[in-house]
All heavy atoms as atom14 arrays in JSON, in Angstrom:
{
  "sequence": "GTRVPMHSSGVGKAYLGAMKPEEAEAFIQQLDMAKITSFTNTDRTVL",
  "atom14_mask": [
    [1, 1, 1, 1, 0, 0, 0, 0, 0, 0, 0, 0, 0, 0],
    [1, 1, 1, 1, 1, 1, 1, 0, 0, 0, 0, 0, 0, 0],
    [1, 1, 1, 1, 1, 1, 1, 1, 1, 1, 1, 0, 0, 0],
    [1, 1, 1, 1, 1, 1, 1, 0, 0, 0, 0, 0, 0, 0],
    [1, 1, 1, 1, 1, 1, 1, 0, 0, 0, 0, 0, 0, 0],
    [1, 1, 1, 1, 1, 1, 1, 1, 0, 0, 0, 0, 0, 0],
    [1, 1, 1, 1, 1, 1, 1, 1, 1, 1, 0, 0, 0, 0],
    [1, 1, 1, 1, 1, 1, 0, 0, 0, 0, 0, 0, 0, 0],
    [1, 1, 1, 1, 1, 1, 0, 0, 0, 0, 0, 0, 0, 0],
    [1, 1, 1, 1, 0, 0, 0, 0, 0, 0, 0, 0, 0, 0],
    [1, 1, 1, 1, 1, 1, 1, 0, 0, 0, 0, 0, 0, 0],
    [1, 1, 1, 1, 0, 0, 0, 0, 0, 0, 0, 0, 0, 0],
    [1, 1, 1, 1, 1, 1, 1, 1, 1, 0, 0, 0, 0, 0],
    [1, 1, 1, 1, 1, 0, 0, 0, 0, 0, 0, 0, 0, 0],
    [1, 1, 1, 1, 1, 1, 1, 1, 1, 1, 1, 1, 0, 0],
    [1, 1, 1, 1, 1, 1, 1, 1, 0, 0, 0, 0, 0, 0],
    [1, 1, 1, 1, 0, 0, 0, 0, 0, 0, 0, 0, 0, 0],
    [1, 1, 1, 1, 1, 0, 0, 0, 0, 0, 0, 0, 0, 0],
    [1, 1, 1, 1, 1, 1, 1, 1, 0, 0, 0, 0, 0, 0],
    [1, 1, 1, 1, 1, 1, 1, 1, 1, 0, 0, 0, 0, 0],
    [1, 1, 1, 1, 1, 1, 1, 0, 0, 0, 0, 0, 0, 0],
    [1, 1, 1, 1, 1, 1, 1, 1, 1, 0, 0, 0, 0, 0],
    [1, 1, 1, 1, 1, 1, 1, 1, 1, 0, 0, 0, 0, 0],
    [1, 1, 1, 1, 1, 0, 0, 0, 0, 0, 0, 0, 0, 0],
    [1, 1, 1, 1, 1, 1, 1, 1, 1, 0, 0, 0, 0, 0],
    [1, 1, 1, 1, 1, 0, 0, 0, 0, 0, 0, 0, 0, 0],
    [1, 1, 1, 1, 1, 1, 1, 1, 1, 1, 1, 0, 0, 0],
    [1, 1, 1, 1, 1, 1, 1, 1, 0, 0, 0, 0, 0, 0],
    [1, 1, 1, 1, 1, 1, 1, 1, 1, 0, 0, 0, 0, 0],
    [1, 1, 1, 1, 1, 1, 1, 1, 1, 0, 0, 0, 0, 0],
    [1, 1, 1, 1, 1, 1, 1, 1, 0, 0, 0, 0, 0, 0],
    [1, 1, 1, 1, 1, 1, 1, 1, 0, 0, 0, 0, 0, 0],
    [1, 1, 1, 1, 1, 1, 1, 1, 0, 0, 0, 0, 0, 0],
    [1, 1, 1, 1, 1, 0, 0, 0, 0, 0, 0, 0, 0, 0],
    [1, 1, 1, 1, 1, 1, 1, 1, 1, 0, 0, 0, 0, 0],
    [1, 1, 1, 1, 1, 1, 1, 1, 0, 0, 0, 0, 0, 0],
    [1, 1, 1, 1, 1, 1, 1, 0, 0, 0, 0, 0, 0, 0],
    [1, 1, 1, 1, 1, 1, 0, 0, 0, 0, 0, 0, 0, 0],
    [1, 1, 1, 1, 1, 1, 1, 1, 1, 1, 1, 0, 0, 0],
    [1, 1, 1, 1, 1, 1, 1, 0, 0, 0, 0, 0, 0, 0],
    [1, 1, 1, 1, 1, 1, 1, 1, 0, 0, 0, 0, 0, 0],
    [1, 1, 1, 1, 1, 1, 1, 0, 0, 0, 0, 0, 0, 0],
    [1, 1, 1, 1, 1, 1, 1, 1, 0, 0, 0, 0, 0, 0],
    [1, 1, 1, 1, 1, 1, 1, 1, 1, 1, 1, 0, 0, 0],
    [1, 1, 1, 1, 1, 1, 1, 0, 0, 0, 0, 0, 0, 0],
    [1, 1, 1, 1, 1, 1, 1, 0, 0, 0, 0, 0, 0, 0],
    [1, 1, 1, 1, 1, 1, 1, 1, 0, 0, 0, 0, 0, 0]
  ],
  "atom14_positions": [
    [[-7.24, -7.28, 265.08], [-6.0, -7.8, 265.66], [-5.98, -7.72, 267.17], [-5.12, -8.33, 267.81], [0.0, 0.0, 0.0], [0.0, 0.0, 0.0], [0.0, 0.0, 0.0], [0.0, 0.0, 0.0], [0.0, 0.0, 0.0], [0.0, 0.0, 0.0], [0.0, 0.0, 0.0], [0.0, 0.0, 0.0], [0.0, 0.0, 0.0], [0.0, 0.0, 0.0]],
    [[-6.92, -6.97, 267.76], [-7.0, -6.87, 269.21], [-7.33, -8.24, 269.8], [-8.23, -8.93, 269.32], [-8.08, -5.86, 269.65], [-7.73, -4.57, 269.18], [-8.23, -5.83, 271.17], [0.0, 0.0, 0.0], [0.0, 0.0, 0.0], [0.0, 0.0, 0.0], [0.0, 0.0, 0.0], [0.0, 0.0, 0.0], [0.0, 0.0, 0.0], [0.0, 0.0, 0.0]],
    [[-6.61, -8.62, 270.85], [-6.89, -9.87, 271.55], [-7.76, -9.58, 272.77], [-7.52, -8.59, 273.48], [-5.59, -10.54, 272.0], [-4.74, -11.04, 270.85], [-3.41, -11.61, 271.35], [-2.62, -12.13, 270.26], [-2.71, -13.37, 269.79], [-3.57, -14.22, 270.33], [-1.95, -13.76, 268.77], [0.0, 0.0, 0.0], [0.0, 0.0, 0.0], [0.0, 0.0, 0.0]],
    [[-8.74, -10.42, 273.03], [-9.61, -10.23, 274.19], [-9.71, -11.54, 274.97], [-9.74, -12.62, 274.39], [-11.02, -9.74, 273.78], [-10.96, -8.32, 273.27], [-11.64, -10.65, 272.73], [0.0, 0.0, 0.0], [0.0, 0.0, 0.0], [0.0, 0.0, 0.0], [0.0, 0.0, 0.0], [0.0, 0.0, 0.0], [0.0, 0.0, 0.0], [0.0, 0.0, 0.0]],
    [[-9.75, -11.47, 276.3], [-9.83, -12.68, 277.12], [-11.17, -13.39, 276.97], [-12.2, -12.76, 276.7], [-9.65, -12.16, 278.55], [-9.04, -10.79, 278.39], [-9.6, -10.26, 277.11], [0.0, 0.0, 0.0], [0.0, 0.0, 0.0], [0.0, 0.0, 0.0], [0.0, 0.0, 0.0], [0.0, 0.0, 0.0], [0.0, 0.0, 0.0], [0.0, 0.0, 0.0]],
    [[-11.16, -14.68, 277.16], [-12.4, -15.47, 277.1], [-13.35, -15.09, 278.23], [-14.56, -14.98, 278.02], [-12.08, -16.97, 277.21], [-11.49, -17.58, 275.96], [-12.8, -18.05, 274.8], [-11.83, -18.95, 273.59], [0.0, 0.0, 0.0], [0.0, 0.0, 0.0], [0.0, 0.0, 0.0], [0.0, 0.0, 0.0], [0.0, 0.0, 0.0], [0.0, 0.0, 0.0]],
    [[-12.81, -14.92, 279.44], [-13.67, -14.8, 280.62], [-14.33, -13.44, 280.78], [-15.34, -13.31, 281.46], [-12.88, -15.12, 281.89], [-11.9, -14.05, 282.27], [-10.74, -13.83, 281.57], [-11.91, -13.13, 283.28], [-10.07, -12.84, 282.14], [-10.76, -12.39, 283.16], [0.0, 0.0, 0.0], [0.0, 0.0, 0.0], [0.0, 0.0, 0.0], [0.0, 0.0, 0.0]],
    [[-13.75, -12.39, 280.14], [-14.25, -11.04, 280.39], [-14.98, -10.43, 279.2], [-15.65, -9.4, 279.35], [-13.09, -10.12, 280.78], [-12.17, -9.99, 279.71], [0.0, 0.0, 0.0], [0.0, 0.0, 0.0], [0.0, 0.0, 0.0], [0.0, 0.0, 0.0], [0.0, 0.0, 0.0], [0.0, 0.0, 0.0], [0.0, 0.0, 0.0], [0.0, 0.0, 0.0]],
    [[-14.85, -11.01, 278.02], [-15.44, -10.42, 276.81], [-16.76, -11.09, 276.43], [-16.99, -12.27, 276.73], [-14.47, -10.52, 275.64], [-14.21, -11.88, 275.33], [0.0, 0.0, 0.0], [0.0, 0.0, 0.0], [0.0, 0.0, 0.0], [0.0, 0.0, 0.0], [0.0, 0.0, 0.0], [0.0, 0.0, 0.0], [0.0, 0.0, 0.0], [0.0, 0.0, 0.0]],
    [[-17.6, -10.34, 275.73], [-18.86, -10.9, 275.25], [-18.62, -12.01, 274.24], [-19.27, -13.06, 274.3], [0.0, 0.0, 0.0], [0.0, 0.0, 0.0], [0.0, 0.0, 0.0], [0.0, 0.0, 0.0], [0.0, 0.0, 0.0], [0.0, 0.0, 0.0], [0.0, 0.0, 0.0], [0.0, 0.0, 0.0], [0.0, 0.0, 0.0], [0.0, 0.0, 0.0]],
    [[-17.67, -11.8, 273.33], [-17.38, -12.84, 272.33], [-16.81, -14.08, 273.0], [-17.1, -15.21, 272.61], [-16.42, -12.32, 271.23], [-17.13, -11.4, 270.27], [-15.17, -11.68, 271.83], [0.0, 0.0, 0.0], [0.0, 0.0, 0.0], [0.0, 0.0, 0.0], [0.0, 0.0, 0.0], [0.0, 0.0, 0.0], [0.0, 0.0, 0.0], [0.0, 0.0, 0.0]],
    [[-15.99, -13.88, 274.04], [-15.4, -15.01, 274.74], [-16.41, -15.86, 275.46], [-16.42, -17.11, 275.35], [0.0, 0.0, 0.0], [0.0, 0.0, 0.0], [0.0, 0.0, 0.0], [0.0, 0.0, 0.0], [0.0, 0.0, 0.0], [0.0, 0.0, 0.0], [0.0, 0.0, 0.0], [0.0, 0.0, 0.0], [0.0, 0.0, 0.0], [0.0, 0.0, 0.0]],
    [[-17.29, -15.23, 276.19], [-18.31, -15.98, 276.94], [-19.31, -16.63, 275.98], [-19.8, -17.74, 276.25], [-19.01, -15.06, 277.94], [-18.15, -14.79, 279.17], [-18.77, -13.78, 280.11], [-18.58, -12.37, 279.6], [-18.93, -11.34, 280.59], [0.0, 0.0, 0.0], [0.0, 0.0, 0.0], [0.0, 0.0, 0.0], [0.0, 0.0, 0.0], [0.0, 0.0, 0.0]],
    [[-19.6, -15.96, 274.87], [-20.48, -16.56, 273.87], [-19.83, -17.81, 273.29], [-20.49, -18.85, 273.09], [-20.78, -15.56, 272.76], [0.0, 0.0, 0.0], [0.0, 0.0, 0.0], [0.0, 0.0, 0.0], [0.0, 0.0, 0.0], [0.0, 0.0, 0.0], [0.0, 0.0, 0.0], [0.0, 0.0, 0.0], [0.0, 0.0, 0.0], [0.0, 0.0, 0.0]],
    [[-18.53, -17.73, 273.02], [-17.8, -18.88, 272.46], [-17.79, -20.04, 273.45], [-18.06, -21.19, 273.08], [-16.37, -18.46, 272.11], [-15.62, -19.48, 271.3], [-15.66, -19.45, 269.92], [-14.88, -20.48, 271.92], [-14.98, -20.39, 269.16], [-14.19, -21.43, 271.18], [-14.25, -21.38, 269.8], [-13.58, -22.33, 269.06], [0.0, 0.0, 0.0], [0.0, 0.0, 0.0]],
    [[-17.5, -19.75, 274.71], [-17.5, -20.8, 275.74], [-18.88, -21.44, 275.86], [-19.01, -22.65, 276.03], [-17.09, -20.21, 277.09], [-15.61, -19.84, 277.27], [-15.42, -19.06, 278.58], [-14.75, -21.1, 277.29], [0.0, 0.0, 0.0], [0.0, 0.0, 0.0], [0.0, 0.0, 0.0], [0.0, 0.0, 0.0], [0.0, 0.0, 0.0], [0.0, 0.0, 0.0]],
    [[-19.93, -20.61, 275.75], [-21.29, -21.12, 275.87], [-21.71, -22.03, 274.75], [-22.65, -22.8, 274.89], [0.0, 0.0, 0.0], [0.0, 0.0, 0.0], [0.0, 0.0, 0.0], [0.0, 0.0, 0.0], [0.0, 0.0, 0.0], [0.0, 0.0, 0.0], [0.0, 0.0, 0.0], [0.0, 0.0, 0.0], [0.0, 0.0, 0.0], [0.0, 0.0, 0.0]],
    [[-21.01, -21.96, 273.63], [-21.33, -22.81, 272.48], [-20.52, -24.11, 272.47], [-20.78, -24.99, 271.66], [-21.09, -22.05, 271.17], [0.0, 0.0, 0.0], [0.0, 0.0, 0.0], [0.0, 0.0, 0.0], [0.0, 0.0, 0.0], [0.0, 0.0, 0.0], [0.0, 0.0, 0.0], [0.0, 0.0, 0.0], [0.0, 0.0, 0.0], [0.0, 0.0, 0.0]],
    [[-19.56, -24.21, 273.38], [-18.77, -25.44, 273.49], [-19.56, -26.52, 274.23], [-20.53, -26.22, 274.93], [-17.46, -25.17, 274.24], [-16.51, -24.23, 273.54], [-15.06, -23.77, 274.56], [-14.18, -25.33, 274.58], [0.0, 0.0, 0.0], [0.0, 0.0, 0.0], [0.0, 0.0, 0.0], [0.0, 0.0, 0.0], [0.0, 0.0, 0.0], [0.0, 0.0, 0.0]],
    [[-19.17, -27.76, 274.09], [-19.77, -28.82, 274.88], [-19.5, -28.52, 276.35], [-18.41, -28.06, 276.7], [-19.19, -30.18, 274.49], [-19.59, -30.65, 273.1], [-19.02, -32.03, 272.81], [-19.46, -32.51, 271.43], [-18.9, -33.86, 271.12], [0.0, 0.0, 0.0], [0.0, 0.0, 0.0], [0.0, 0.0, 0.0], [0.0, 0.0, 0.0], [0.0, 0.0, 0.0]],
    [[-20.48, -28.78, 277.23], [-20.34, -28.41, 278.65], [-19.03, -28.89, 279.28], [-18.36, -28.12, 279.97], [-21.56, -29.08, 279.31], [-22.58, -29.11, 278.22], [-21.81, -29.37, 276.96], [0.0, 0.0, 0.0], [0.0, 0.0, 0.0], [0.0, 0.0, 0.0], [0.0, 0.0, 0.0], [0.0, 0.0, 0.0], [0.0, 0.0, 0.0], [0.0, 0.0, 0.0]],
    [[-18.67, -30.15, 279.03], [-17.46, -30.67, 279.67], [-16.19, -30.0, 279.11], [-15.22, -29.76, 279.84], [-17.36, -32.19, 279.5], [-17.27, -32.69, 278.06], [-18.62, -32.87, 277.38], [-19.63, -32.34, 277.91], [-18.67, -33.53, 276.32], [0.0, 0.0, 0.0], [0.0, 0.0, 0.0], [0.0, 0.0, 0.0], [0.0, 0.0, 0.0], [0.0, 0.0, 0.0]],
    [[-16.21, -29.67, 277.83], [-15.06, -28.98, 277.22], [-14.95, -27.55, 277.74], [-13.85, -27.06, 278.02], [-15.19, -28.98, 275.7], [-15.06, -30.36, 275.06], [-15.24, -30.32, 273.56], [-15.58, -29.23, 273.03], [-15.04, -31.36, 272.91], [0.0, 0.0, 0.0], [0.0, 0.0, 0.0], [0.0, 0.0, 0.0], [0.0, 0.0, 0.0], [0.0, 0.0, 0.0]],
    [[-16.09, -26.89, 277.85], [-16.09, -25.51, 278.36], [-15.6, -25.47, 279.8], [-14.8, -24.59, 280.17], [-17.5, -24.93, 278.28], [0.0, 0.0, 0.0], [0.0, 0.0, 0.0], [0.0, 0.0, 0.0], [0.0, 0.0, 0.0], [0.0, 0.0, 0.0], [0.0, 0.0, 0.0], [0.0, 0.0, 0.0], [0.0, 0.0, 0.0], [0.0, 0.0, 0.0]],
    [[-16.03, -26.43, 280.62], [-15.62, -26.46, 282.02], [-14.12, -26.69, 282.15], [-13.44, -26.04, 282.95], [-16.39, -27.54, 282.77], [-16.2, -27.5, 284.28], [-16.58, -26.16, 284.9], [-17.55, -25.53, 284.44], [-15.86, -25.72, 285.83], [0.0, 0.0, 0.0], [0.0, 0.0, 0.0], [0.0, 0.0, 0.0], [0.0, 0.0, 0.0], [0.0, 0.0, 0.0]],
    [[-13.58, -27.6, 281.35], [-12.14, -27.86, 281.37], [-11.37, -26.62, 280.93], [-10.31, -26.3, 281.48], [-11.81, -29.05, 280.47], [0.0, 0.0, 0.0], [0.0, 0.0, 0.0], [0.0, 0.0, 0.0], [0.0, 0.0, 0.0], [0.0, 0.0, 0.0], [0.0, 0.0, 0.0], [0.0, 0.0, 0.0], [0.0, 0.0, 0.0], [0.0, 0.0, 0.0]],
    [[-11.91, -25.91, 279.94], [-11.28, -24.69, 279.43], [-11.28, -23.62, 280.51], [-10.27, -22.93, 280.72], [-12.04, -24.21, 278.2], [-11.22, -23.39, 277.26], [-10.65, -23.94, 276.13], [-11.01, -22.04, 277.51], [-9.88, -23.18, 275.26], [-10.25, -21.27, 276.65], [-9.68, -21.84, 275.52], [0.0, 0.0, 0.0], [0.0, 0.0, 0.0], [0.0, 0.0, 0.0]],
    [[-12.41, -23.47, 281.21], [-12.54, -22.46, 282.25], [-11.51, -22.67, 283.35], [-10.93, -21.71, 283.88], [-13.97, -22.46, 282.84], [-14.95, -21.87, 281.81], [-14.04, -21.68, 284.14], [-16.41, -22.05, 282.19], [0.0, 0.0, 0.0], [0.0, 0.0, 0.0], [0.0, 0.0, 0.0], [0.0, 0.0, 0.0], [0.0, 0.0, 0.0], [0.0, 0.0, 0.0]],
    [[-11.25, -23.93, 283.69], [-10.31, -24.24, 284.76], [-8.88, -23.82, 284.42], [-8.04, -23.69, 285.3], [-10.36, -25.73, 285.1], [-11.69, -26.2, 285.66], [-12.17, -25.36, 286.85], [-11.4, -25.09, 287.78], [-13.43, -24.93, 286.81], [0.0, 0.0, 0.0], [0.0, 0.0, 0.0], [0.0, 0.0, 0.0], [0.0, 0.0, 0.0], [0.0, 0.0, 0.0]],
    [[-8.59, -23.61, 283.15], [-7.24, -23.23, 282.72], [-7.07, -21.74, 282.46], [-5.97, -21.28, 282.22], [-6.87, -24.0, 281.44], [-6.89, -25.51, 281.59], [-6.56, -26.2, 280.28], [-5.45, -26.14, 279.78], [-7.55, -26.85, 279.7], [0.0, 0.0, 0.0], [0.0, 0.0, 0.0], [0.0, 0.0, 0.0], [0.0, 0.0, 0.0], [0.0, 0.0, 0.0]],
    [[-8.18, -21.0, 282.5], [-8.11, -19.57, 282.19], [-7.4, -18.79, 283.29], [-7.44, -19.15, 284.46], [-9.51, -19.01, 281.98], [-10.27, -19.5, 280.74], [-11.67, -18.91, 280.71], [-9.52, -19.13, 279.47], [0.0, 0.0, 0.0], [0.0, 0.0, 0.0], [0.0, 0.0, 0.0], [0.0, 0.0, 0.0], [0.0, 0.0, 0.0], [0.0, 0.0, 0.0]],
    [[-6.8, -17.67, 282.9], [-6.07, -16.81, 283.82], [-7.01, -16.07, 284.77], [-6.66, -15.8, 285.92], [-5.23, -15.82, 283.02], [-4.39, -14.93, 283.91], [-3.83, -15.45, 284.89], [-4.29, -13.72, 283.63], [0.0, 0.0, 0.0], [0.0, 0.0, 0.0], [0.0, 0.0, 0.0], [0.0, 0.0, 0.0], [0.0, 0.0, 0.0], [0.0, 0.0, 0.0]],
    [[-8.19, -15.7, 284.3], [-9.21, -15.01, 285.09], [-8.7, -13.68, 285.67], [-8.99, -13.32, 286.8], [-9.73, -15.9, 286.22], [-10.38, -17.19, 285.77], [-11.9, -16.96, 284.8], [-13.04, -16.36, 286.05], [0.0, 0.0, 0.0], [0.0, 0.0, 0.0], [0.0, 0.0, 0.0], [0.0, 0.0, 0.0], [0.0, 0.0, 0.0], [0.0, 0.0, 0.0]],
    [[-7.91, -12.95, 284.89], [-7.39, -11.66, 285.35], [-8.51, -10.63, 285.45], [-9.5, -10.69, 284.71], [-6.32, -11.17, 284.38], [0.0, 0.0, 0.0], [0.0, 0.0, 0.0], [0.0, 0.0, 0.0], [0.0, 0.0, 0.0], [0.0, 0.0, 0.0], [0.0, 0.0, 0.0], [0.0, 0.0, 0.0], [0.0, 0.0, 0.0], [0.0, 0.0, 0.0]],
    [[-8.36, -9.68, 286.35], [-9.36, -8.63, 286.52], [-9.04, -7.5, 285.54], [-8.06, -6.77, 285.71], [-9.36, -8.11, 287.96], [-10.6, -7.29, 288.29], [-10.75, -7.12, 289.78], [-12.08, -6.46, 290.13], [-13.25, -7.29, 289.79], [0.0, 0.0, 0.0], [0.0, 0.0, 0.0], [0.0, 0.0, 0.0], [0.0, 0.0, 0.0], [0.0, 0.0, 0.0]],
    [[-9.87, -7.37, 284.51], [-9.63, -6.39, 283.44], [-10.19, -5.02, 283.81], [-9.56, -3.99, 283.59], [-10.24, -6.87, 282.11], [-9.82, -8.32, 281.81], [-9.85, -5.93, 280.97], [-8.34, -8.52, 281.69], [0.0, 0.0, 0.0], [0.0, 0.0, 0.0], [0.0, 0.0, 0.0], [0.0, 0.0, 0.0], [0.0, 0.0, 0.0], [0.0, 0.0, 0.0]],
    [[-11.39, -5.0, 284.37], [-12.02, -3.77, 284.85], [-12.56, -4.04, 286.25], [-12.52, -5.17, 286.74], [-13.19, -3.32, 283.94], [-14.33, -4.17, 284.18], [-12.81, -3.38, 282.47], [0.0, 0.0, 0.0], [0.0, 0.0, 0.0], [0.0, 0.0, 0.0], [0.0, 0.0, 0.0], [0.0, 0.0, 0.0], [0.0, 0.0, 0.0], [0.0, 0.0, 0.0]],
    [[-13.11, -3.01, 286.86], [-13.68, -3.19, 288.2], [-14.93, -4.06, 288.17], [-15.4, -4.52, 289.21], [-14.01, -1.82, 288.81], [-14.96, -1.13, 288.01], [0.0, 0.0, 0.0], [0.0, 0.0, 0.0], [0.0, 0.0, 0.0], [0.0, 0.0, 0.0], [0.0, 0.0, 0.0], [0.0, 0.0, 0.0], [0.0, 0.0, 0.0], [0.0, 0.0, 0.0]],
    [[-15.46, -4.31, 286.97], [-16.67, -5.12, 286.81], [-16.35, -6.58, 286.45], [-17.26, -7.41, 286.4], [-17.57, -4.54, 285.72], [-18.11, -3.17, 286.04], [-17.41, -2.03, 285.67], [-19.31, -3.02, 286.72], [-17.89, -0.77, 285.96], [-19.8, -1.76, 287.0], [-19.09, -0.62, 286.63], [0.0, 0.0, 0.0], [0.0, 0.0, 0.0], [0.0, 0.0, 0.0]],
    [[-15.1, -6.9, 286.19], [-14.74, -8.24, 285.71], [-14.93, -9.3, 286.77], [-14.45, -9.16, 287.9], [-13.26, -8.28, 285.25], [-13.04, -7.25, 284.3], [-12.93, -9.63, 284.64], [0.0, 0.0, 0.0], [0.0, 0.0, 0.0], [0.0, 0.0, 0.0], [0.0, 0.0, 0.0], [0.0, 0.0, 0.0], [0.0, 0.0, 0.0], [0.0, 0.0, 0.0]],
    [[-15.63, -10.37, 286.4], [-15.76, -11.52, 287.28], [-14.47, -12.35, 287.22], [-13.98, -12.66, 286.13], [-16.95, -12.38, 286.85], [-16.89, -13.76, 287.48], [-16.88, -13.9, 288.71], [-16.82, -14.79, 286.65], [0.0, 0.0, 0.0], [0.0, 0.0, 0.0], [0.0, 0.0, 0.0], [0.0, 0.0, 0.0], [0.0, 0.0, 0.0], [0.0, 0.0, 0.0]],
    [[-13.94, -12.72, 288.37], [-12.73, -13.53, 288.41], [-12.97, -14.87, 289.1], [-12.03, -15.59, 289.41], [-11.59, -12.79, 289.13], [-12.01, -12.45, 290.47], [-11.23, -11.5, 288.39], [0.0, 0.0, 0.0], [0.0, 0.0, 0.0], [0.0, 0.0, 0.0], [0.0, 0.0, 0.0], [0.0, 0.0, 0.0], [0.0, 0.0, 0.0], [0.0, 0.0, 0.0]],
    [[-14.23, -15.2, 289.33], [-14.6, -16.45, 290.01], [-15.0, -17.49, 288.97], [-15.95, -17.28, 288.2], [-15.76, -16.17, 290.97], [-16.12, -17.36, 291.85], [-16.21, -18.49, 291.31], [-16.29, -17.17, 293.07], [0.0, 0.0, 0.0], [0.0, 0.0, 0.0], [0.0, 0.0, 0.0], [0.0, 0.0, 0.0], [0.0, 0.0, 0.0], [0.0, 0.0, 0.0]],
    [[-14.31, -18.61, 288.92], [-14.6, -19.65, 287.93], [-16.0, -20.24, 288.09], [-16.66, -20.58, 287.11], [-13.55, -20.77, 288.01], [-12.15, -20.3, 287.74], [-11.15, -21.46, 287.8], [-9.81, -20.96, 288.05], [-9.02, -20.44, 287.12], [-9.43, -20.38, 285.88], [-7.82, -19.99, 287.43], [0.0, 0.0, 0.0], [0.0, 0.0, 0.0], [0.0, 0.0, 0.0]],
    [[-16.44, -20.38, 289.35], [-17.78, -20.93, 289.59], [-18.86, -20.02, 289.02], [-19.83, -20.46, 288.41], [-18.01, -21.13, 291.1], [-17.01, -22.01, 291.63], [-19.39, -21.74, 291.35], [0.0, 0.0, 0.0], [0.0, 0.0, 0.0], [0.0, 0.0, 0.0], [0.0, 0.0, 0.0], [0.0, 0.0, 0.0], [0.0, 0.0, 0.0], [0.0, 0.0, 0.0]],
    [[-18.67, -18.72, 289.23], [-19.62, -17.74, 288.69], [-19.59, -17.77, 287.16], [-20.63, -17.71, 286.51], [-19.28, -16.32, 289.2], [-20.15, -15.28, 288.5], [-19.48, -16.24, 290.71], [0.0, 0.0, 0.0], [0.0, 0.0, 0.0], [0.0, 0.0, 0.0], [0.0, 0.0, 0.0], [0.0, 0.0, 0.0], [0.0, 0.0, 0.0], [0.0, 0.0, 0.0]],
    [[-18.39, -17.88, 286.58], [-18.27, -17.94, 285.12], [-18.97, -19.17, 284.58], [-19.68, -19.1, 283.56], [-16.8, -17.95, 284.71], [-16.52, -18.04, 283.21], [-17.16, -16.86, 282.47], [-15.02, -18.08, 282.93], [0.0, 0.0, 0.0], [0.0, 0.0, 0.0], [0.0, 0.0, 0.0], [0.0, 0.0, 0.0], [0.0, 0.0, 0.0], [0.0, 0.0, 0.0]]
  ]
}
């Protein structure tokens, strides 16, 4: 039941990586990109 963000979790990035490139890119542009830990990437280009 725990919810995890797409941009910071292993399952989230794996899921994005399996999407069609154009769909994944459009999805990334809508993400909140919140900083969850001191290691979290918050840059969409890097993601």
